[in-house]
Amino acid sequence: MKTEEQASVLINNALQIARDTTSDKVFLFLNSEQSCRAYSKIDSLKDETIVLVIPKNQNIPECIINKKTVIHTWSGNQTRFSRVKYAFMQAVLQQVIQPDYKVVCVLGPWGKDHLDTITVHDLSLSWSEEFPFDPRSLITKKFFHTVIAVIDIALDIGALGREGKAVGTTFIIGNVVEILKSSHQAIFNPFKGYPEAVREINSSEVVESIKELAQLDGAFVISGKGIVEAAGRHLDTVSSVTRQFKGFGSRHRAAASITMHSEAIAVVVSQSTGRVTIFDEGKIIASLDPVISSRMV
């Protein structure tokens, strides 16, 4: 069976499954302009239920995607389940879906043009501790956009490390005053004294500086507006051991603890696995798994 024929079968089946399960949306994960061109010829793609999920580095012409709703995701390689969760966070942020929707997903291997998998997700149900995902607390935060920007940087660090070496680090986003009270400088703060305009998280220069400084000890502190306030902060609070944190080190526990005592979100990159873990109110609300390809472990 040709790639386009297989895609047509899967998309048609996904739409039928969506109807049978009363799902709200069908997310179709495409990896390239070539696959968008090929699949745009499939009649069922015109169904308004379908949302296209496309990497940020792919600029797909409007004439190809036929004015479909589009979710842009992190451009790097993640596990399939991680790609789905990231797409859900972006979709909630863009108000394409609500946190209690049912969504059918159609996807294939990252970087390939064929589709081979259909999954059904009921976001109103609690996901397991092994694969936590609950964006409801995130969307109540005014700085959700900043959290997503930080997650993109964290995924890059988790997947690639720095100069071929594995890197682990922590980002604390939100209540800067409270965070600074609950931490102290482990190293000289490289962001101190610079105007806000040159410390914005969306600046490519700032992103590169963060990736370089992530090799050093300490956490990054970022305001809700996306201004990097500090790097190299040692978090003074350490959470008690709970079942959820078994197997986690001091970096993750400290990050979890500080979110219990402040209205902040913590994003932690594991040095050993590259996994990106997101904490709110002392709990893991999501974990994302970039596929490690270019770094050394």
Protein backbone atom coordinates (compact mmCIF):
# COMPACT_ATOMS: atom_id res chain seq x y z
CA MET A 1 0.00 0.00 0.00
CA LYS A 2 1.36 3.43 -0.95
CA THR A 3 2.07 6.04 1.71
CA GLU A 4 -0.81 8.28 0.55
CA GLU A 5 -3.22 5.35 0.45
CA GLN A 6 -2.23 4.24 3.95
CA ALA A 7 -2.62 7.82 5.20
CA SER A 8 -6.10 8.02 3.67
CA VAL A 9 -7.12 4.78 5.41
CA LEU A 10 -5.80 5.94 8.78
CA ILE A 11 -7.36 9.41 8.53
CA ASN A 12 -10.74 7.96 7.55
CA ASN A 13 -10.56 5.47 10.41
CA ALA A 14 -9.53 8.22 12.84
CA LEU A 15 -12.55 10.29 11.84
CA GLN A 16 -14.81 7.27 12.36
CA ILE A 17 -13.23 6.58 15.75
CA ALA A 18 -13.75 10.24 16.66
CA ARG A 19 -17.45 9.91 15.84
CA ASP A 20 -17.79 6.59 17.70
CA THR A 21 -16.04 7.94 20.82
CA THR A 22 -17.66 11.41 20.62
CA SER A 23 -14.20 12.94 20.40
CA ASP A 24 -13.92 16.68 19.80
CA LYS A 25 -10.90 16.84 17.49
CA VAL A 26 -8.60 14.75 15.34
CA PHE A 27 -4.94 15.81 15.49
CA LEU A 28 -3.00 14.92 12.34
CA PHE A 29 0.78 15.07 12.86
CA LEU A 30 2.70 15.94 9.68
CA ASN A 31 6.46 16.41 9.52
CA SER A 32 7.19 18.20 6.24
CA GLU A 33 5.91 20.30 3.37
CA GLN A 34 6.13 17.20 1.19
CA SER A 35 3.70 15.26 3.40
CA CYS A 36 1.37 18.28 3.58
CA ARG A 37 1.31 18.47 -0.23
CA ALA A 38 0.65 14.75 -0.57
CA TYR A 39 -2.05 14.51 2.08
CA SER A 40 -3.83 17.74 1.07
CA LYS A 41 -5.26 15.76 -1.85
CA ILE A 42 -7.13 13.42 0.52
CA ASP A 43 -10.82 14.41 0.55
CA SER A 44 -11.36 13.54 4.22
CA LEU A 45 -8.72 16.11 5.20
CA LYS A 46 -11.35 18.78 4.53
CA ASP A 47 -13.25 17.66 7.64
CA GLU A 48 -13.39 20.56 10.12
CA THR A 49 -12.64 18.19 13.01
CA ILE A 50 -9.04 17.78 11.80
CA VAL A 51 -6.27 19.93 13.28
CA LEU A 52 -2.84 19.84 11.63
CA VAL A 53 0.20 19.53 13.91
CA ILE A 54 3.36 20.77 12.17
CA PRO A 55 6.92 21.50 13.42
CA LYS A 56 7.72 25.19 13.90
CA ASN A 57 10.56 25.07 11.38
CA GLN A 58 8.19 24.08 8.57
CA ASN A 59 6.60 27.07 6.81
CA ILE A 60 3.73 25.41 4.98
CA PRO A 61 1.97 27.58 2.35
CA GLU A 62 -1.69 28.30 3.12
CA CYS A 63 -2.74 26.88 -0.25
CA ILE A 64 -1.41 23.47 0.81
CA ILE A 65 -3.01 23.24 4.24
CA ASN A 66 -6.34 24.59 2.93
CA LYS A 67 -6.93 27.05 5.78
CA LYS A 68 -6.91 24.28 8.38
CA THR A 69 -6.37 24.99 12.07
CA VAL A 70 -2.63 24.51 12.64
CA ILE A 71 -0.71 23.79 15.84
CA HIS A 72 3.03 24.45 15.63
CA THR A 73 5.18 22.20 17.82
CA TRP A 74 8.78 22.04 18.96
CA SER A 75 10.92 21.23 15.92
CA GLY A 76 13.06 18.55 17.52
CA ASN A 77 12.53 14.82 17.89
CA GLN A 78 10.39 13.62 20.82
CA THR A 79 8.88 10.26 21.59
CA ARG A 80 5.42 9.85 20.08
CA PHE A 81 3.65 10.21 23.42
CA SER A 82 5.70 13.31 24.23
CA ARG A 83 4.80 14.87 20.85
CA VAL A 84 1.13 14.31 21.61
CA LYS A 85 1.36 15.95 25.04
CA TYR A 86 3.28 18.95 23.70
CA ALA A 87 0.67 19.42 20.96
CA PHE A 88 -2.09 19.34 23.60
CA MET A 89 -0.37 22.08 25.60
CA GLN A 90 -0.04 24.27 22.52
CA ALA A 91 -3.65 23.55 21.56
CA VAL A 92 -4.91 24.55 25.01
CA LEU A 93 -2.79 27.70 24.84
CA GLN A 94 -4.26 28.58 21.42
CA GLN A 95 -7.77 27.70 22.65
CA VAL A 96 -8.14 25.09 19.95
CA ILE A 97 -9.19 22.58 22.62
CA GLN A 98 -10.28 22.68 26.25
CA PRO A 99 -8.61 20.57 28.99
CA ASP A 100 -11.57 18.18 29.13
CA TYR A 101 -11.76 17.39 25.41
CA LYS A 102 -11.37 13.99 23.80
CA VAL A 103 -8.82 13.98 20.99
CA VAL A 104 -7.91 11.32 18.42
CA CYS A 105 -4.31 11.53 17.19
CA VAL A 106 -2.88 10.21 13.91
CA LEU A 107 0.91 10.17 13.63
CA GLY A 108 3.98 8.31 12.46
CA PRO A 109 7.70 8.35 13.29
CA TRP A 110 9.27 11.77 13.75
CA GLY A 111 11.04 12.98 10.62
CA LYS A 112 9.23 10.48 8.36
CA ASP A 113 6.32 11.16 6.03
CA HIS A 114 4.23 8.02 6.63
CA LEU A 115 1.47 7.59 9.23
CA ASP A 116 1.05 4.36 11.19
CA THR A 117 -0.55 5.08 14.58
CA ILE A 118 -3.98 6.12 15.90
CA THR A 119 -4.47 6.96 19.61
CA VAL A 120 -7.44 8.26 21.61
CA HIS A 121 -6.98 10.59 24.60
CA ASP A 122 -9.62 11.71 27.09
CA LEU A 123 -8.07 14.77 28.72
CA SER A 124 -10.73 14.86 31.44
CA LEU A 125 -9.29 11.67 32.93
CA SER A 126 -6.21 11.56 35.13
CA TRP A 127 -3.18 10.18 33.32
CA SER A 128 -0.82 7.84 35.12
CA GLU A 129 2.16 8.99 37.19
CA GLU A 130 4.42 7.40 34.59
CA PHE A 131 3.05 9.73 31.90
CA PRO A 132 1.62 12.73 33.80
CA PHE A 133 -0.21 15.39 31.87
CA ASP A 134 -2.63 17.91 33.33
CA PRO A 135 -2.55 21.39 31.73
CA ARG A 136 -5.47 22.74 33.76
CA SER A 137 -3.29 24.52 36.30
CA LEU A 138 -1.05 25.89 33.55
CA ILE A 139 -3.82 27.60 31.61
CA THR A 140 -4.87 29.56 34.69
CA LYS A 141 -1.45 31.19 34.76
CA LYS A 142 -1.14 34.53 32.97
CA PHE A 143 2.38 33.55 31.94
CA PHE A 144 1.46 30.34 30.07
CA HIS A 145 3.15 31.74 26.93
CA THR A 146 6.41 32.17 28.86
CA VAL A 147 6.22 28.60 30.18
CA ILE A 148 5.88 27.24 26.62
CA ALA A 149 8.87 29.31 25.48
CA VAL A 150 10.93 27.89 28.37
CA ILE A 151 9.81 24.34 27.57
CA ASP A 152 11.12 24.75 24.01
CA ILE A 153 14.53 25.78 25.36
CA ALA A 154 14.47 22.93 27.89
CA LEU A 155 13.70 20.39 25.16
CA ASP A 156 16.66 21.66 23.13
CA ILE A 157 18.94 21.28 26.15
CA GLY A 158 17.55 17.85 26.95
CA ALA A 159 17.98 16.58 23.39
CA LEU A 160 21.29 18.16 22.46
CA GLY A 161 23.06 19.08 25.68
CA ARG A 162 25.87 21.53 25.00
CA GLU A 163 28.88 20.86 22.83
CA GLY A 164 28.18 17.13 22.90
CA LYS A 165 27.88 16.88 26.68
CA ALA A 166 24.78 16.04 28.70
CA VAL A 167 23.34 19.01 30.60
CA GLY A 168 20.74 19.23 33.37
CA THR A 169 19.24 22.46 34.63
CA THR A 170 16.20 24.13 36.25
CA PHE A 171 13.96 27.03 35.25
CA ILE A 172 11.63 28.74 37.73
CA ILE A 173 8.97 30.95 36.12
CA GLY A 174 6.56 33.35 37.81
CA ASN A 175 6.68 34.93 41.24
CA VAL A 176 10.16 36.46 41.05
CA VAL A 177 10.07 38.21 44.46
CA GLU A 178 9.15 35.02 46.30
CA ILE A 179 11.56 32.89 44.27
CA LEU A 180 14.50 35.18 45.04
CA LYS A 181 13.61 35.05 48.74
CA SER A 182 13.71 31.24 48.59
CA SER A 183 17.07 31.04 46.81
CA HIS A 184 20.54 32.53 46.75
CA GLN A 185 23.26 33.02 44.16
CA ALA A 186 25.52 30.02 43.68
CA ILE A 187 27.57 31.98 41.12
CA PHE A 188 27.73 35.59 39.96
CA ASN A 189 24.45 36.50 38.25
CA PRO A 190 25.35 37.03 34.55
CA PHE A 191 22.02 38.82 33.84
CA LYS A 192 22.36 41.40 36.60
CA GLY A 193 22.47 45.05 35.50
CA TYR A 194 21.19 44.56 31.96
CA PRO A 195 17.97 46.31 30.81
CA GLU A 196 14.86 44.17 30.40
CA ALA A 197 14.89 44.63 26.64
CA VAL A 198 18.04 42.52 26.31
CA ARG A 199 16.90 39.81 28.77
CA GLU A 200 13.73 38.67 26.97
CA ILE A 201 13.29 34.91 26.72
CA ASN A 202 12.25 35.15 23.05
CA SER A 203 15.53 36.78 22.03
CA SER A 204 17.79 34.38 20.13
CA GLU A 205 20.84 35.86 21.90
CA VAL A 206 19.28 35.21 25.31
CA VAL A 207 18.35 31.67 24.31
CA GLU A 208 21.94 30.92 23.29
CA SER A 209 23.23 32.46 26.54
CA ILE A 210 20.84 30.27 28.55
CA LYS A 211 22.02 27.13 26.75
CA GLU A 212 25.63 28.04 27.50
CA LEU A 213 24.97 28.97 31.15
CA ALA A 214 22.92 25.80 31.70
CA GLN A 215 26.23 23.96 32.09
CA LEU A 216 26.83 25.86 35.35
CA ASP A 217 25.31 25.11 38.75
CA GLY A 218 22.05 26.72 39.78
CA ALA A 219 18.61 27.56 38.43
CA PHE A 220 17.33 30.24 36.06
CA VAL A 221 14.71 32.64 37.40
CA ILE A 222 12.34 34.06 34.78
CA SER A 223 9.50 36.53 35.29
CA GLY A 224 5.99 35.92 34.00
CA LYS A 225 6.67 38.50 31.30
CA GLY A 226 9.55 36.38 30.01
CA ILE A 227 12.43 38.42 31.42
CA VAL A 228 15.42 36.42 32.67
CA GLU A 229 16.11 37.80 36.14
CA ALA A 230 18.91 35.52 37.26
CA ALA A 231 20.99 32.44 36.53
CA GLY A 232 22.97 30.32 38.95
CA ARG A 233 20.41 30.46 41.80
CA HIS A 234 20.57 27.77 44.47
CA LEU A 235 17.07 26.81 45.63
CA ASP A 236 16.96 26.74 49.41
CA THR A 237 13.85 24.59 49.87
CA VAL A 238 13.79 20.83 49.41
CA SER A 239 10.54 18.89 49.24
CA SER A 240 9.81 15.85 51.38
CA VAL A 241 10.02 12.44 49.76
CA THR A 242 6.74 11.36 48.18
CA ARG A 243 5.82 8.40 46.02
CA GLN A 244 5.74 10.64 42.96
CA PHE A 245 9.36 11.74 43.46
CA LYS A 246 10.94 8.33 43.97
CA GLY A 247 13.97 8.11 41.72
CA PHE A 248 14.31 11.89 41.41
CA GLY A 249 17.38 13.78 42.60
CA SER A 250 17.76 16.98 44.60
CA ARG A 251 17.28 19.22 41.51
CA HIS A 252 13.76 17.91 40.89
CA ARG A 253 12.79 17.87 44.56
CA ALA A 254 13.94 21.43 45.14
CA ALA A 255 12.06 22.59 42.05
CA ALA A 256 8.90 20.83 43.21
CA SER A 257 9.24 22.36 46.66
CA ILE A 258 9.59 25.95 45.48
CA THR A 259 6.38 25.63 43.46
CA MET A 260 4.59 24.65 46.68
CA HIS A 261 5.56 27.91 48.34
CA SER A 262 5.13 30.36 45.47
CA GLU A 263 2.86 30.86 42.47
CA ALA A 264 5.56 29.63 40.14
CA ILE A 265 6.11 26.90 37.57
CA ALA A 266 9.31 24.87 37.52
CA VAL A 267 10.75 23.24 34.39
CA VAL A 268 13.57 20.77 35.03
CA VAL A 269 15.89 19.08 32.51
CA SER A 270 17.31 15.74 33.62
CA GLN A 271 21.01 15.44 32.90
CA SER A 272 20.86 11.64 32.74
CA THR A 273 17.84 11.18 30.46
CA GLY A 274 17.08 14.57 28.87
CA ARG A 275 13.49 14.33 30.13
CA VAL A 276 11.78 17.67 30.74
CA THR A 277 9.56 17.67 33.85
CA ILE A 278 7.11 20.47 34.67
CA PHE A 279 6.03 21.16 38.26
CA ASP A 280 3.18 23.22 39.72
CA GLU A 281 2.01 23.34 43.34
CA GLY A 282 4.54 20.66 44.25
CA LYS A 283 3.23 18.18 41.68
CA ILE A 284 4.39 16.89 38.32
CA ILE A 285 1.87 18.16 35.77
CA ALA A 286 3.69 17.04 32.62
CA SER A 287 6.81 15.26 31.42
CA LEU A 288 8.20 15.45 27.89
CA ASP A 289 10.82 13.19 26.39
CA PRO A 290 13.08 14.49 23.63
CA VAL A 291 14.93 11.81 21.71
CA ILE A 292 18.63 12.18 22.42
CA SER A 293 20.58 12.06 19.17
CA SER A 294 23.54 14.44 19.08
CA ARG A 295 24.64 14.54 22.69
CA MET A 296 26.81 12.18 24.68
CA VAL A 297 25.31 10.41 27.70
